[in-house]
Structure formats: C-alpha cells, structure tokens
Amino acid sequence: MSTANEMNQTRIINELRHFIKKLLQDPQIVPAALEVARKHYGTQDAAVAMAQEISSLTSVKIPDDPEDFSDADRLFLEVLKEVMDEEQALY
C-alpha cells in the first residue's frame, strides 16, 4: 500500500474514532439524528437537509456544502439513510 493511501486511511480512521467518541459522550445525538432522518427521508437533497438540522440540534457539526463533507460525515449520513431504508421496509 502506498504511503498516501496509508495516510488517508489513518485520517479516515481518526475521523471515525473522534465521531464515535462524540456519539458515546452525548447520548442525545443518536435519537435526534434518527428523528431528523425520519423527517427528511425520501426528500430531495435529504443529506444536505439532515446535515444542516443535525448540526443545529446536536454537537455534531456537518458542513452545509456536500463538497465539504468529510468521509465520516458522508458515512454517517449514508448509515442514517440505510437505517431509514430498513425501518421503512418493516412497514
């Protein structure tokens, strides 16, 4: 593996570690994020709307512009969408 790839993987892992710690330190983030995801599920530009609302309601700060999303931001929003997909499949 090249040094650049290793550095990128290390950066991504560090972002995710920081994010997971934030989730564990503030138990209100997950319920708030799920509620926001339910509200915006299936809407146009759902990721941007979710990012803005989650940032305003919690200590998780996601940039307004999707171009500025970190890998951890993208992954978090994708996982929220997957959870909503699975939740909707149950009904």
PDB file of N, CA and C in Angstrom:
ATOM      1  N   MET A   1       0.847  -1.169   0.000  1.00  0.00           N
ATOM      2  CA  MET A   1       0.000   0.000   0.000  1.00  0.00           C
ATOM      3  C   MET A   1       0.900   1.242   0.000  1.00  0.00           C
ATOM      4  N   SER A   2       0.513   2.221  -0.755  1.00  0.00           N
ATOM      5  CA  SER A   2       1.331   3.427  -0.843  1.00  0.00           C
ATOM      6  C   SER A   2       1.202   4.265   0.426  1.00  0.00           C
ATOM      7  N   THR A   3       2.158   5.101   0.627  1.00  0.00           N
ATOM      8  CA  THR A   3       2.166   5.966   1.801  1.00  0.00           C
ATOM      9  C   THR A   3       0.949   6.890   1.800  1.00  0.00           C
ATOM     10  N   ALA A   4       0.576   7.390   0.636  1.00  0.00           N
ATOM     11  CA  ALA A   4      -0.587   8.283   0.546  1.00  0.00           C
ATOM     12  C   ALA A   4      -1.853   7.544   0.958  1.00  0.00           C
ATOM     13  N   ASN A   5      -2.015   6.315   0.512  1.00  0.00           N
ATOM     14  CA  ASN A   5      -3.192   5.527   0.896  1.00  0.00           C
ATOM     15  C   ASN A   5      -3.198   5.255   2.398  1.00  0.00           C
ATOM     16  N   GLU A   6      -2.053   4.935   2.943  1.00  0.00           N
ATOM     17  CA  GLU A   6      -1.955   4.676   4.381  1.00  0.00           C
ATOM     18  C   GLU A   6      -2.299   5.929   5.181  1.00  0.00           C
ATOM     19  N   MET A   7      -1.808   7.065   4.727  1.00  0.00           N
ATOM     20  CA  MET A   7      -2.102   8.323   5.411  1.00  0.00           C
ATOM     21  C   MET A   7      -3.592   8.644   5.333  1.00  0.00           C
ATOM     22  N   ASN A   8      -4.196   8.395   4.177  1.00  0.00           N
ATOM     23  CA  ASN A   8      -5.624   8.649   4.009  1.00  0.00           C
ATOM     24  C   ASN A   8      -6.441   7.724   4.905  1.00  0.00           C
ATOM     25  N   GLN A   9      -6.073   6.449   4.959  1.00  0.00           N
ATOM     26  CA  GLN A   9      -6.781   5.510   5.829  1.00  0.00           C
ATOM     27  C   GLN A   9      -6.641   5.909   7.292  1.00  0.00           C
ATOM     28  N   THR A  10      -5.478   6.335   7.697  1.00  0.00           N
ATOM     29  CA  THR A  10      -5.255   6.784   9.071  1.00  0.00           C
ATOM     30  C   THR A  10      -6.121   7.991   9.379  1.00  0.00           C
ATOM     31  N   ARG A  11      -6.204   8.923   8.440  1.00  0.00           N
ATOM     32  CA  ARG A  11      -7.036  10.120   8.628  1.00  0.00           C
ATOM     33  C   ARG A  11      -8.503   9.730   8.781  1.00  0.00           C
ATOM     34  N   ILE A  12      -8.977   8.841   7.918  1.00  0.00           N
ATOM     35  CA  ILE A  12     -10.375   8.405   7.979  1.00  0.00           C
ATOM     36  C   ILE A  12     -10.656   7.696   9.303  1.00  0.00           C
ATOM     37  N   ILE A  13      -9.769   6.820   9.705  1.00  0.00           N
ATOM     38  CA  ILE A  13      -9.946   6.105  10.971  1.00  0.00           C
ATOM     39  C   ILE A  13      -9.978   7.083  12.137  1.00  0.00           C
ATOM     40  N   ASN A  14      -9.100   8.068  12.121  1.00  0.00           N
ATOM     41  CA  ASN A  14      -9.092   9.066  13.195  1.00  0.00           C
ATOM     42  C   ASN A  14     -10.381   9.882  13.224  1.00  0.00           C
ATOM     43  N   GLU A  15     -10.901  10.252  12.051  1.00  0.00           N
ATOM     44  CA  GLU A  15     -12.177  10.966  11.982  1.00  0.00           C
ATOM     45  C   GLU A  15     -13.290  10.122  12.577  1.00  0.00           C
ATOM     46  N   LEU A  16     -13.337   8.849  12.191  1.00  0.00           N
ATOM     47  CA  LEU A  16     -14.386   7.967  12.685  1.00  0.00           C
ATOM     48  C   LEU A  16     -14.258   7.737  14.192  1.00  0.00           C
ATOM     49  N   ARG A  17     -13.042   7.585  14.688  1.00  0.00           N
ATOM     50  CA  ARG A  17     -12.829   7.425  16.136  1.00  0.00           C
ATOM     51  C   ARG A  17     -13.353   8.648  16.886  1.00  0.00           C
ATOM     52  N   HIS A  18     -13.020   9.831  16.389  1.00  0.00           N
ATOM     53  CA  HIS A  18     -13.477  11.069  17.014  1.00  0.00           C
ATOM     54  C   HIS A  18     -15.008  11.132  17.000  1.00  0.00           C
ATOM     55  N   PHE A  19     -15.594  10.776  15.884  1.00  0.00           N
ATOM     56  CA  PHE A  19     -17.043  10.823  15.744  1.00  0.00           C
ATOM     57  C   PHE A  19     -17.721   9.810  16.668  1.00  0.00           C
ATOM     58  N   ILE A  20     -17.199   8.604  16.730  1.00  0.00           N
ATOM     59  CA  ILE A  20     -17.777   7.573  17.608  1.00  0.00           C
ATOM     60  C   ILE A  20     -17.682   8.012  19.064  1.00  0.00           C
ATOM     61  N   LYS A  21     -16.558   8.600  19.444  1.00  0.00           N
ATOM     62  CA  LYS A  21     -16.427   9.105  20.819  1.00  0.00           C
ATOM     63  C   LYS A  21     -17.491  10.158  21.109  1.00  0.00           C
ATOM     64  N   LYS A  22     -17.735  11.040  20.145  1.00  0.00           N
ATOM     65  CA  LYS A  22     -18.744  12.082  20.328  1.00  0.00           C
ATOM     66  C   LYS A  22     -20.126  11.454  20.525  1.00  0.00           C
ATOM     67  N   LEU A  23     -20.431  10.416  19.747  1.00  0.00           N
ATOM     68  CA  LEU A  23     -21.719   9.731  19.895  1.00  0.00           C
ATOM     69  C   LEU A  23     -21.857   9.090  21.273  1.00  0.00           C
ATOM     70  N   LEU A  24     -20.785   8.506  21.758  1.00  0.00           N
ATOM     71  CA  LEU A  24     -20.821   7.843  23.061  1.00  0.00           C
ATOM     72  C   LEU A  24     -20.872   8.842  24.221  1.00  0.00           C
ATOM     73  N   GLN A  25     -20.295  10.009  24.036  1.00  0.00           N
ATOM     74  CA  GLN A  25     -20.276  11.016  25.092  1.00  0.00           C
ATOM     75  C   GLN A  25     -21.595  11.767  25.208  1.00  0.00           C
ATOM     76  N   ASP A  26     -22.338  11.856  24.128  1.00  0.00           N
ATOM     77  CA  ASP A  26     -23.605  12.585  24.142  1.00  0.00           C
ATOM     78  C   ASP A  26     -24.719  11.664  23.665  1.00  0.00           C
ATOM     79  N   PRO A  27     -25.414  11.021  24.591  1.00  0.00           N
ATOM     80  CA  PRO A  27     -26.431  10.037  24.214  1.00  0.00           C
ATOM     81  C   PRO A  27     -27.641  10.630  23.489  1.00  0.00           C
ATOM     82  N   GLN A  28     -27.758  11.936  23.431  1.00  0.00           N
ATOM     83  CA  GLN A  28     -28.891  12.559  22.735  1.00  0.00           C
ATOM     84  C   GLN A  28     -28.679  12.666  21.223  1.00  0.00           C
ATOM     85  N   ILE A  29     -27.461  12.462  20.774  1.00  0.00           N
ATOM     86  CA  ILE A  29     -27.176  12.619  19.343  1.00  0.00           C
ATOM     87  C   ILE A  29     -27.933  11.593  18.515  1.00  0.00           C
ATOM     88  N   VAL A  30     -27.872  10.333  18.897  1.00  0.00           N
ATOM     89  CA  VAL A  30     -28.476   9.276  18.082  1.00  0.00           C
ATOM     90  C   VAL A  30     -29.989   9.457  17.949  1.00  0.00           C
ATOM     91  N   PRO A  31     -30.740   9.630  19.047  1.00  0.00           N
ATOM     92  CA  PRO A  31     -32.186   9.820  18.861  1.00  0.00           C
ATOM     93  C   PRO A  31     -32.528  11.062  18.036  1.00  0.00           C
ATOM     94  N   ALA A  32     -31.776  12.138  18.247  1.00  0.00           N
ATOM     95  CA  ALA A  32     -32.031  13.362  17.476  1.00  0.00           C
ATOM     96  C   ALA A  32     -31.740  13.133  16.001  1.00  0.00           C
ATOM     97  N   ALA A  33     -30.626  12.463  15.703  1.00  0.00           N
ATOM     98  CA  ALA A  33     -30.259  12.204  14.308  1.00  0.00           C
ATOM     99  C   ALA A  33     -31.282  11.293  13.633  1.00  0.00           C
ATOM    100  N   LEU A  34     -31.767  10.292  14.361  1.00  0.00           N
ATOM    101  CA  LEU A  34     -32.780   9.402  13.786  1.00  0.00           C
ATOM    102  C   LEU A  34     -34.079  10.146  13.511  1.00  0.00           C
ATOM    103  N   GLU A  35     -34.469  11.028  14.415  1.00  0.00           N
ATOM    104  CA  GLU A  35     -35.687  11.808  14.209  1.00  0.00           C
ATOM    105  C   GLU A  35     -35.545  12.724  12.985  1.00  0.00           C
ATOM    106  N   VAL A  36     -34.393  13.345  12.853  1.00  0.00           N
ATOM    107  CA  VAL A  36     -34.126  14.202  11.687  1.00  0.00           C
ATOM    108  C   VAL A  36     -34.145  13.353  10.407  1.00  0.00           C
ATOM    109  N   ALA A  37     -33.541  12.182  10.456  1.00  0.00           N
ATOM    110  CA  ALA A  37     -33.512  11.306   9.280  1.00  0.00           C
ATOM    111  C   ALA A  37     -34.925  10.893   8.878  1.00  0.00           C
ATOM    112  N   ARG A  38     -35.769  10.587   9.854  1.00  0.00           N
ATOM    113  CA  ARG A  38     -37.166  10.228   9.551  1.00  0.00           C
ATOM    114  C   ARG A  38     -37.879  11.403   8.879  1.00  0.00           C
ATOM    115  N   LYS A  39     -37.629  12.589   9.375  1.00  0.00           N
ATOM    116  CA  LYS A  39     -38.283  13.799   8.856  1.00  0.00           C
ATOM    117  C   LYS A  39     -37.911  14.055   7.396  1.00  0.00           C
ATOM    118  N   HIS A  40     -36.654  13.800   7.056  1.00  0.00           N
ATOM    119  CA  HIS A  40     -36.174  14.141   5.716  1.00  0.00           C
ATOM    120  C   HIS A  40     -36.072  12.936   4.776  1.00  0.00           C
ATOM    121  N   TYR A  41     -36.445  11.764   5.260  1.00  0.00           N
ATOM    122  CA  TYR A  41     -36.316  10.549   4.456  1.00  0.00           C
ATOM    123  C   TYR A  41     -37.097  10.683   3.145  1.00  0.00           C
ATOM    124  N   GLY A  42     -36.426  10.402   2.065  1.00  0.00           N
ATOM    125  CA  GLY A  42     -37.066  10.404   0.749  1.00  0.00           C
ATOM    126  C   GLY A  42     -37.251  11.770   0.122  1.00  0.00           C
ATOM    127  N   THR A  43     -36.787  12.815   0.780  1.00  0.00           N
ATOM    128  CA  THR A  43     -36.924  14.151   0.206  1.00  0.00           C
ATOM    129  C   THR A  43     -35.714  14.461  -0.678  1.00  0.00           C
ATOM    130  N   GLN A  44     -35.918  15.427  -1.550  1.00  0.00           N
ATOM    131  CA  GLN A  44     -34.820  15.868  -2.399  1.00  0.00           C
ATOM    132  C   GLN A  44     -33.773  16.550  -1.522  1.00  0.00           C
ATOM    133  N   ASP A  45     -32.520  16.283  -1.786  1.00  0.00           N
ATOM    134  CA  ASP A  45     -31.405  16.843  -1.012  1.00  0.00           C
ATOM    135  C   ASP A  45     -31.512  16.505   0.477  1.00  0.00           C
ATOM    136  N   ALA A  46     -31.954  15.284   0.765  1.00  0.00           N
ATOM    137  CA  ALA A  46     -32.130  14.845   2.155  1.00  0.00           C
ATOM    138  C   ALA A  46     -30.823  14.938   2.937  1.00  0.00           C
ATOM    139  N   ALA A  47     -29.708  14.570   2.323  1.00  0.00           N
ATOM    140  CA  ALA A  47     -28.431  14.585   3.041  1.00  0.00           C
ATOM    141  C   ALA A  47     -28.077  15.994   3.497  1.00  0.00           C
ATOM    142  N   VAL A  48     -28.282  16.972   2.641  1.00  0.00           N
ATOM    143  CA  VAL A  48     -27.971  18.359   2.993  1.00  0.00           C
ATOM    144  C   VAL A  48     -28.910  18.841   4.095  1.00  0.00           C
ATOM    145  N   ALA A  49     -30.202  18.552   3.959  1.00  0.00           N
ATOM    146  CA  ALA A  49     -31.170  18.969   4.977  1.00  0.00           C
ATOM    147  C   ALA A  49     -30.874  18.298   6.314  1.00  0.00           C
ATOM    148  N   MET A  50     -30.539  17.004   6.271  1.00  0.00           N
ATOM    149  CA  MET A  50     -30.205  16.296   7.508  1.00  0.00           C
ATOM    150  C   MET A  50     -28.953  16.889   8.132  1.00  0.00           C
ATOM    151  N   ALA A  51     -27.939  17.147   7.316  1.00  0.00           N
ATOM    152  CA  ALA A  51     -26.684  17.708   7.826  1.00  0.00           C
ATOM    153  C   ALA A  51     -26.934  19.036   8.524  1.00  0.00           C
ATOM    154  N   GLN A  52     -27.724  19.896   7.905  1.00  0.00           N
ATOM    155  CA  GLN A  52     -27.995  21.212   8.482  1.00  0.00           C
ATOM    156  C   GLN A  52     -28.759  21.096   9.798  1.00  0.00           C
ATOM    157  N   GLU A  53     -29.772  20.247   9.811  1.00  0.00           N
ATOM    158  CA  GLU A  53     -30.595  20.141  11.023  1.00  0.00           C
ATOM    159  C   GLU A  53     -29.847  19.429  12.151  1.00  0.00           C
ATOM    160  N   ILE A  54     -29.120  18.372  11.821  1.00  0.00           N
ATOM    161  CA  ILE A  54     -28.336  17.672  12.841  1.00  0.00           C
ATOM    162  C   ILE A  54     -27.299  18.622  13.434  1.00  0.00           C
ATOM    163  N   SER A  55     -26.685  19.429  12.591  1.00  0.00           N
ATOM    164  CA  SER A  55     -25.695  20.401  13.076  1.00  0.00           C
ATOM    165  C   SER A  55     -26.319  21.432  14.000  1.00  0.00           C
ATOM    166  N   SER A  56     -27.550  21.810  13.715  1.00  0.00           N
ATOM    167  CA  SER A  56     -28.197  22.824  14.554  1.00  0.00           C
ATOM    168  C   SER A  56     -28.733  22.250  15.867  1.00  0.00           C
ATOM    169  N   LEU A  57     -29.035  20.946  15.895  1.00  0.00           N
ATOM    170  CA  LEU A  57     -29.634  20.347  17.087  1.00  0.00           C
ATOM    171  C   LEU A  57     -28.653  19.633  18.006  1.00  0.00           C
ATOM    172  N   THR A  58     -27.476  19.281  17.494  1.00  0.00           N
ATOM    173  CA  THR A  58     -26.544  18.456  18.260  1.00  0.00           C
ATOM    174  C   THR A  58     -25.137  19.039  18.219  1.00  0.00           C
ATOM    175  N   SER A  59     -24.245  18.353  18.898  1.00  0.00           N
ATOM    176  CA  SER A  59     -22.831  18.767  18.873  1.00  0.00           C
ATOM    177  C   SER A  59     -22.104  18.237  17.645  1.00  0.00           C
ATOM    178  N   VAL A  60     -22.795  17.480  16.802  1.00  0.00           N
ATOM    179  CA  VAL A  60     -22.215  17.001  15.544  1.00  0.00           C
ATOM    180  C   VAL A  60     -22.334  18.132  14.529  1.00  0.00           C
ATOM    181  N   LYS A  61     -21.208  18.582  14.027  1.00  0.00           N
ATOM    182  CA  LYS A  61     -21.207  19.690  13.067  1.00  0.00           C
ATOM    183  C   LYS A  61     -20.789  19.168  11.700  1.00  0.00           C
ATOM    184  N   ILE A  62     -21.736  19.242  10.762  1.00  0.00           N
ATOM    185  CA  ILE A  62     -21.512  18.796   9.393  1.00  0.00           C
ATOM    186  C   ILE A  62     -21.611  20.034   8.504  1.00  0.00           C
ATOM    187  N   PRO A  63     -20.658  20.244   7.608  1.00  0.00           N
ATOM    188  CA  PRO A  63     -20.714  21.428   6.741  1.00  0.00           C
ATOM    189  C   PRO A  63     -22.006  21.471   5.916  1.00  0.00           C
ATOM    190  N   ASP A  64     -22.426  22.670   5.565  1.00  0.00           N
ATOM    191  CA  ASP A  64     -23.638  22.834   4.753  1.00  0.00           C
ATOM    192  C   ASP A  64     -23.454  22.342   3.329  1.00  0.00           C
ATOM    193  N   ASP A  65     -22.260  22.482   2.805  1.00  0.00           N
ATOM    194  CA  ASP A  65     -21.976  22.118   1.415  1.00  0.00           C
ATOM    195  C   ASP A  65     -21.483  20.671   1.344  1.00  0.00           C
ATOM    196  N   PRO A  66     -22.180  19.814   0.582  1.00  0.00           N
ATOM    197  CA  PRO A  66     -21.754  18.414   0.459  1.00  0.00           C
ATOM    198  C   PRO A  66     -20.314  18.259  -0.033  1.00  0.00           C
ATOM    199  N   GLU A  67     -19.814  19.237  -0.756  1.00  0.00           N
ATOM    200  CA  GLU A  67     -18.425  19.183  -1.223  1.00  0.00           C
ATOM    201  C   GLU A  67     -17.442  19.225  -0.046  1.00  0.00           C
ATOM    202  N   ASP A  68     -17.901  19.786   1.065  1.00  0.00           N
ATOM    203  CA  ASP A  68     -17.047  19.931   2.247  1.00  0.00           C
ATOM    204  C   ASP A  68     -17.229  18.800   3.260  1.00  0.00           C
ATOM    205  N   PHE A  69     -18.148  17.857   2.968  1.00  0.00           N
ATOM    206  CA  PHE A  69     -18.362  16.737   3.885  1.00  0.00           C
ATOM    207  C   PHE A  69     -17.077  15.931   4.002  1.00  0.00           C
ATOM    208  N   SER A  70     -16.748  15.549   5.218  1.00  0.00           N
ATOM    209  CA  SER A  70     -15.622  14.636   5.413  1.00  0.00           C
ATOM    210  C   SER A  70     -16.102  13.218   5.117  1.00  0.00           C
ATOM    211  N   ASP A  71     -15.175  12.277   5.078  1.00  0.00           N
ATOM    212  CA  ASP A  71     -15.554  10.886   4.879  1.00  0.00           C
ATOM    213  C   ASP A  71     -16.465  10.419   6.007  1.00  0.00           C
ATOM    214  N   ALA A  72     -16.180  10.844   7.228  1.00  0.00           N
ATOM    215  CA  ALA A  72     -17.009  10.472   8.374  1.00  0.00           C
ATOM    216  C   ALA A  72     -18.416  11.073   8.239  1.00  0.00           C
ATOM    217  N   ASP A  73     -18.527  12.311   7.764  1.00  0.00           N
ATOM    218  CA  ASP A  73     -19.831  12.938   7.547  1.00  0.00           C
ATOM    219  C   ASP A  73     -20.649  12.128   6.548  1.00  0.00           C
ATOM    220  N   ARG A  74     -20.030  11.808   5.420  1.00  0.00           N
ATOM    221  CA  ARG A  74     -20.716  11.040   4.372  1.00  0.00           C
ATOM    222  C   ARG A  74     -21.170   9.675   4.899  1.00  0.00           C
ATOM    223  N   LEU A  75     -20.274   9.020   5.605  1.00  0.00           N
ATOM    224  CA  LEU A  75     -20.597   7.698   6.134  1.00  0.00           C
ATOM    225  C   LEU A  75     -21.755   7.782   7.123  1.00  0.00           C
ATOM    226  N   PHE A  76     -21.740   8.756   8.013  1.00  0.00           N
ATOM    227  CA  PHE A  76     -22.814   8.927   8.983  1.00  0.00           C
ATOM    228  C   PHE A  76     -24.152   9.152   8.279  1.00  0.00           C
ATOM    229  N   LEU A  77     -24.186  10.020   7.295  1.00  0.00           N
ATOM    230  CA  LEU A  77     -25.421  10.301   6.569  1.00  0.00           C
ATOM    231  C   LEU A  77     -25.889   9.089   5.763  1.00  0.00           C
ATOM    232  N   GLU A  78     -24.957   8.343   5.182  1.00  0.00           N
ATOM    233  CA  GLU A  78     -25.309   7.128   4.444  1.00  0.00           C
ATOM    234  C   GLU A  78     -25.888   6.073   5.376  1.00  0.00           C
ATOM    235  N   VAL A  79     -25.288   5.923   6.550  1.00  0.00           N
ATOM    236  CA  VAL A  79     -25.784   4.940   7.518  1.00  0.00           C
ATOM    237  C   VAL A  79     -27.174   5.347   8.006  1.00  0.00           C
ATOM    238  N   LEU A  80     -27.393   6.628   8.248  1.00  0.00           N
ATOM    239  CA  LEU A  80     -28.732   7.085   8.631  1.00  0.00           C
ATOM    240  C   LEU A  80     -29.754   6.734   7.564  1.00  0.00           C
ATOM    241  N   LYS A  81     -29.389   6.929   6.301  1.00  0.00           N
ATOM    242  CA  LYS A  81     -30.307   6.585   5.212  1.00  0.00           C
ATOM    243  C   LYS A  81     -30.576   5.080   5.187  1.00  0.00           C
ATOM    244  N   GLU A  82     -29.538   4.272   5.376  1.00  0.00           N
ATOM    245  CA  GLU A  82     -29.719   2.821   5.399  1.00  0.00           C
ATOM    246  C   GLU A  82     -30.642   2.394   6.534  1.00  0.00           C
ATOM    247  N   VAL A  83     -30.480   3.023   7.696  1.00  0.00           N
ATOM    248  CA  VAL A  83     -31.353   2.703   8.831  1.00  0.00           C
ATOM    249  C   VAL A  83     -32.795   3.056   8.481  1.00  0.00           C
ATOM    250  N   MET A  84     -33.010   4.189   7.825  1.00  0.00           N
ATOM    251  CA  MET A  84     -34.362   4.580   7.423  1.00  0.00           C
ATOM    252  C   MET A  84     -34.915   3.612   6.371  1.00  0.00           C
ATOM    253  N   ASP A  85     -34.063   3.191   5.431  1.00  0.00           N
ATOM    254  CA  ASP A  85     -34.498   2.209   4.425  1.00  0.00           C
ATOM    255  C   ASP A  85     -34.984   0.934   5.110  1.00  0.00           C
ATOM    256  N   GLU A  86     -34.206   0.459   6.084  1.00  0.00           N
ATOM    257  CA  GLU A  86     -34.564  -0.767   6.790  1.00  0.00           C
ATOM    258  C   GLU A  86     -35.811  -0.554   7.655  1.00  0.00           C
ATOM    259  N   GLU A  87     -35.914   0.611   8.263  1.00  0.00           N
ATOM    260  CA  GLU A  87     -37.106   0.912   9.073  1.00  0.00           C
ATOM    261  C   GLU A  87     -38.354   0.926   8.197  1.00  0.00           C
ATOM    262  N   GLN A  88     -38.253   1.538   7.022  1.00  0.00           N
ATOM    263  CA  GLN A  88     -39.404   1.594   6.111  1.00  0.00           C
ATOM    264  C   GLN A  88     -39.764   0.209   5.584  1.00  0.00           C
ATOM    265  N   ALA A  89     -38.777  -0.652   5.400  1.00  0.00           N
ATOM    266  CA  ALA A  89     -39.020  -1.996   4.901  1.00  0.00           C
ATOM    267  C   ALA A  89     -39.816  -2.833   5.900  1.00  0.00           C
ATOM    268  N   LEU A  90     -39.761  -2.469   7.157  1.00  0.00           N
ATOM    269  CA  LEU A  90     -40.502  -3.197   8.190  1.00  0.00           C
ATOM    270  C   LEU A  90     -41.985  -2.910   8.139  1.00  0.00           C
ATOM    271  N   TYR A  91     -42.372  -1.794   7.522  1.00  0.00           N
ATOM    272  CA  TYR A  91     -43.782  -1.397   7.491  1.00  0.00           C
ATOM    273  C   TYR A  91     -44.462  -1.809   6.238  1.00  0.00           C
TER     274      TYR A  91
END
